[in-house]
Amino acid sequence: MGLFKALIAGALSDIIGLSEEDKRKILESIDQTVVNFFTQVMQMDNFTLRQEGL
């Protein structure tokens, strides 16, 4: 997840007009979404994973 976060942070730093607080909030939201996704995937069994197409 570190590389993904670094890429997003780099892209956000190039956006003019976003405050540092806004950038921090966006990164936190992305982090939480990624954690939630992986938490959900890790709880699925093989059958469910196949049904989801993962």
C-alpha atoms as a PDB file:
ATOM      1  CA  MET A   1       0.000   0.000   0.000  1.00  0.00           C
ATOM      2  CA  GLY A   2       2.991   2.302   0.444  1.00  0.00           C
ATOM      3  CA  LEU A   3       3.649   2.719  -3.281  1.00  0.00           C
ATOM      4  CA  PHE A   4      -0.010   3.397  -3.997  1.00  0.00           C
ATOM      5  CA  LYS A   5      -0.134   6.015  -1.253  1.00  0.00           C
ATOM      6  CA  ALA A   6       3.053   7.654  -2.536  1.00  0.00           C
ATOM      7  CA  LEU A   7       1.630   7.895  -6.059  1.00  0.00           C
ATOM      8  CA  ILE A   8      -1.603   9.468  -4.828  1.00  0.00           C
ATOM      9  CA  ALA A   9       0.260  11.854  -2.515  1.00  0.00           C
ATOM     10  CA  GLY A  10       2.468  12.921  -5.409  1.00  0.00           C
ATOM     11  CA  ALA A  11      -0.546  13.567  -7.609  1.00  0.00           C
ATOM     12  CA  LEU A  12      -2.282  15.534  -4.855  1.00  0.00           C
ATOM     13  CA  SER A  13       0.771  17.696  -4.272  1.00  0.00           C
ATOM     14  CA  ASP A  14       0.600  18.795  -7.920  1.00  0.00           C
ATOM     15  CA  ILE A  15      -3.002  19.983  -7.599  1.00  0.00           C
ATOM     16  CA  ILE A  16      -3.115  23.713  -7.054  1.00  0.00           C
ATOM     17  CA  GLY A  17      -5.959  25.020  -4.951  1.00  0.00           C
ATOM     18  CA  LEU A  18      -6.135  22.171  -2.443  1.00  0.00           C
ATOM     19  CA  SER A  19      -5.153  23.076   1.071  1.00  0.00           C
ATOM     20  CA  GLU A  20      -2.834  20.796   3.030  1.00  0.00           C
ATOM     21  CA  GLU A  21      -5.819  19.881   5.210  1.00  0.00           C
ATOM     22  CA  ASP A  22      -7.857  18.868   2.148  1.00  0.00           C
ATOM     23  CA  LYS A  23      -4.964  16.758   0.850  1.00  0.00           C
ATOM     24  CA  ARG A  24      -4.638  15.065   4.250  1.00  0.00           C
ATOM     25  CA  LYS A  25      -8.378  14.317   4.350  1.00  0.00           C
ATOM     26  CA  ILE A  26      -8.294  12.856   0.832  1.00  0.00           C
ATOM     27  CA  LEU A  27      -5.347  10.599   1.709  1.00  0.00           C
ATOM     28  CA  GLU A  28      -7.064   9.446   4.910  1.00  0.00           C
ATOM     29  CA  SER A  29     -10.232   8.649   2.978  1.00  0.00           C
ATOM     30  CA  ILE A  30      -8.300   6.666   0.371  1.00  0.00           C
ATOM     31  CA  ASP A  31      -6.409   4.795   3.102  1.00  0.00           C
ATOM     32  CA  GLN A  32      -9.641   3.848   4.862  1.00  0.00           C
ATOM     33  CA  THR A  33     -11.288   2.725   1.623  1.00  0.00           C
ATOM     34  CA  VAL A  34      -8.315   0.488   0.775  1.00  0.00           C
ATOM     35  CA  VAL A  35      -8.238  -0.985   4.295  1.00  0.00           C
ATOM     36  CA  ASN A  36     -11.987  -1.665   4.160  1.00  0.00           C
ATOM     37  CA  PHE A  37     -11.638  -3.358   0.771  1.00  0.00           C
ATOM     38  CA  PHE A  38      -8.832  -5.658   1.899  1.00  0.00           C
ATOM     39  CA  THR A  39     -10.603  -6.422   5.172  1.00  0.00           C
ATOM     40  CA  GLN A  40     -13.691  -7.489   3.235  1.00  0.00           C
ATOM     41  CA  VAL A  41     -11.691  -9.576   0.756  1.00  0.00           C
ATOM     42  CA  MET A  42      -9.740 -11.321   3.521  1.00  0.00           C
ATOM     43  CA  GLN A  43     -13.008 -12.401   5.149  1.00  0.00           C
ATOM     44  CA  MET A  44     -14.396 -14.022   1.995  1.00  0.00           C
ATOM     45  CA  ASP A  45     -14.076 -17.719   1.378  1.00  0.00           C
ATOM     46  CA  ASN A  46     -12.876 -19.179  -1.935  1.00  0.00           C
ATOM     47  CA  PHE A  47     -16.416 -19.677  -3.268  1.00  0.00           C
ATOM     48  CA  THR A  48     -17.408 -16.081  -2.561  1.00  0.00           C
ATOM     49  CA  LEU A  49     -14.185 -14.748  -4.085  1.00  0.00           C
ATOM     50  CA  ARG A  50     -14.902 -16.657  -7.296  1.00  0.00           C
ATOM     51  CA  GLN A  51     -18.461 -15.293  -7.352  1.00  0.00           C
ATOM     52  CA  GLU A  52     -17.137 -11.742  -6.950  1.00  0.00           C
ATOM     53  CA  GLY A  53     -14.680 -12.293  -9.799  1.00  0.00           C
ATOM     54  CA  LEU A  54     -11.653 -11.474  -7.681  1.00  0.00           C
END
